[in-house]
Amino acid sequence: METHKREVATASLVIHEMLYGCLRLPTESKKRALLQNYITKIPQKMPIFGYDLKSAQYHGKERARLSRVGKTPAFVDGQIASIAVTNNLILATNNIDNFQAFNDLVIENWFI
């Protein structure tokens, strides 16, 4: 992320997912303290995109389309995908399989 800091943003839902995972760790955990500190600094380091009306409309259409073909991606993955599409962003993820079915979504895996 340091290499691409001027090009990187995230979604408010990603902050939720990270914080949820972090706060499930033991209270005394050094890993939890490190992650929690990192997560609280994210808004100072990059733009945070929210789930707005355009995102909700795209998500609803895609969710209906995907369910017709027997696909049921995680709800939050649909929200994240919709934020990326409606803001003309590239979704950088290691979980390519979770997002491939979404129309018009550009995906990159920076972890390979």
Protein backbone atom coordinates (compact mmCIF):
# COMPACT_ATOMS: atom_id res chain seq x y z
CA MET A 1 0.00 0.00 0.00
CA GLU A 2 2.92 2.34 0.62
CA THR A 3 3.86 2.05 -3.07
CA HIS A 4 0.36 3.03 -4.19
CA LYS A 5 -0.64 5.39 -1.37
CA ARG A 6 -1.70 8.17 -3.74
CA GLU A 7 -3.90 5.72 -5.66
CA VAL A 8 -5.48 3.77 -2.80
CA ALA A 9 -8.88 4.19 -1.16
CA THR A 10 -11.16 1.84 0.74
CA ALA A 11 -14.81 1.33 1.55
CA SER A 12 -16.43 1.98 4.90
CA LEU A 13 -17.55 -1.66 4.80
CA VAL A 14 -13.94 -2.80 4.65
CA ILE A 15 -13.25 -0.81 7.82
CA HIS A 16 -16.20 -2.63 9.42
CA GLU A 17 -14.89 -6.04 8.34
CA MET A 18 -11.39 -5.28 9.61
CA LEU A 19 -12.60 -3.88 12.93
CA TYR A 20 -14.99 -6.78 13.45
CA GLY A 21 -12.20 -9.29 12.91
CA CYS A 22 -9.81 -7.34 15.10
CA LEU A 23 -12.19 -6.96 18.02
CA ARG A 24 -12.84 -10.70 18.05
CA LEU A 25 -9.21 -11.28 19.01
CA PRO A 26 -8.38 -11.64 22.73
CA THR A 27 -8.39 -8.27 24.53
CA GLU A 28 -4.81 -8.69 25.76
CA SER A 29 -3.48 -9.68 22.33
CA LYS A 30 -0.55 -7.69 20.92
CA LYS A 31 -1.88 -8.47 17.44
CA ARG A 32 -5.25 -6.93 18.36
CA ALA A 33 -3.61 -3.75 19.67
CA LEU A 34 -1.45 -3.45 16.54
CA LEU A 35 -4.38 -4.02 14.17
CA GLN A 36 -6.71 -1.70 16.07
CA ASN A 37 -4.12 1.06 15.95
CA TYR A 38 -3.65 0.51 12.20
CA ILE A 39 -7.40 0.49 11.51
CA THR A 40 -8.00 3.75 13.40
CA LYS A 41 -5.34 5.48 11.25
CA ILE A 42 -6.77 4.39 7.89
CA PRO A 43 -9.11 7.41 7.45
CA GLN A 44 -6.10 9.73 7.81
CA LYS A 45 -4.19 7.84 5.11
CA MET A 46 -6.76 7.35 2.35
CA PRO A 47 -10.25 8.28 1.19
CA ILE A 48 -13.12 6.18 2.55
CA PHE A 49 -16.04 5.53 0.18
CA GLY A 50 -19.50 4.87 1.60
CA TYR A 51 -22.41 2.74 0.44
CA ASP A 52 -24.70 5.31 -1.15
CA LEU A 53 -27.82 5.29 -3.32
CA LYS A 54 -25.92 4.54 -6.56
CA SER A 55 -24.14 1.68 -4.84
CA ALA A 56 -27.40 0.30 -3.45
CA GLN A 57 -29.04 0.43 -6.89
CA TYR A 58 -26.15 -1.37 -8.58
CA HIS A 59 -26.04 -3.91 -5.75
CA GLY A 60 -29.76 -4.63 -5.95
CA LYS A 61 -29.61 -5.20 -9.71
CA GLU A 62 -26.51 -7.38 -9.50
CA ARG A 63 -27.86 -9.37 -6.56
CA ALA A 64 -31.06 -10.12 -8.51
CA ARG A 65 -29.10 -11.03 -11.66
CA LEU A 66 -26.71 -13.29 -9.78
CA SER A 67 -29.49 -15.04 -7.87
CA ARG A 68 -31.22 -15.84 -11.19
CA VAL A 69 -28.09 -17.74 -12.28
CA GLY A 70 -27.72 -19.51 -8.93
CA LYS A 71 -24.94 -17.38 -7.43
CA THR A 72 -25.19 -15.90 -3.94
CA PRO A 73 -22.09 -13.91 -3.08
CA ALA A 74 -21.73 -12.65 0.48
CA PHE A 75 -23.87 -9.56 0.99
CA VAL A 76 -20.91 -7.44 2.13
CA ASP A 77 -18.90 -8.52 -0.94
CA GLY A 78 -21.75 -7.20 -3.08
CA GLN A 79 -21.67 -3.91 -1.19
CA ILE A 80 -17.90 -3.61 -1.62
CA ALA A 81 -18.16 -4.45 -5.33
CA SER A 82 -20.93 -1.89 -5.79
CA ILE A 83 -18.87 0.87 -4.17
CA ALA A 84 -15.96 0.07 -6.49
CA VAL A 85 -18.10 -0.02 -9.65
CA THR A 86 -20.12 3.13 -8.94
CA ASN A 87 -16.99 5.11 -8.09
CA ASN A 88 -14.98 3.82 -11.09
CA LEU A 89 -12.44 2.15 -8.81
CA ILE A 90 -10.33 -0.97 -9.24
CA LEU A 91 -10.92 -3.53 -6.50
CA ALA A 92 -7.59 -4.84 -5.21
CA THR A 93 -8.17 -8.14 -3.43
CA ASN A 94 -6.66 -11.52 -2.77
CA ASN A 95 -10.18 -13.01 -2.91
CA ILE A 96 -10.69 -12.83 -6.67
CA ASP A 97 -13.23 -15.67 -6.63
CA ASN A 98 -15.54 -13.68 -4.32
CA PHE A 99 -15.90 -10.87 -6.86
CA GLN A 100 -15.54 -12.34 -10.37
CA ALA A 101 -19.27 -12.65 -11.02
CA PHE A 102 -20.03 -8.93 -10.68
CA ASN A 103 -20.59 -7.06 -13.95
CA ASP A 104 -18.37 -4.08 -14.77
CA LEU A 105 -16.09 -4.68 -11.77
CA VAL A 106 -12.37 -4.32 -12.45
CA ILE A 107 -10.32 -6.54 -10.13
CA GLU A 108 -6.60 -6.75 -9.45
CA ASN A 109 -4.76 -9.11 -7.15
CA TRP A 110 -1.76 -7.31 -5.67
CA PHE A 111 -0.86 -10.36 -3.62
CA ILE A 112 0.45 -12.57 -6.43
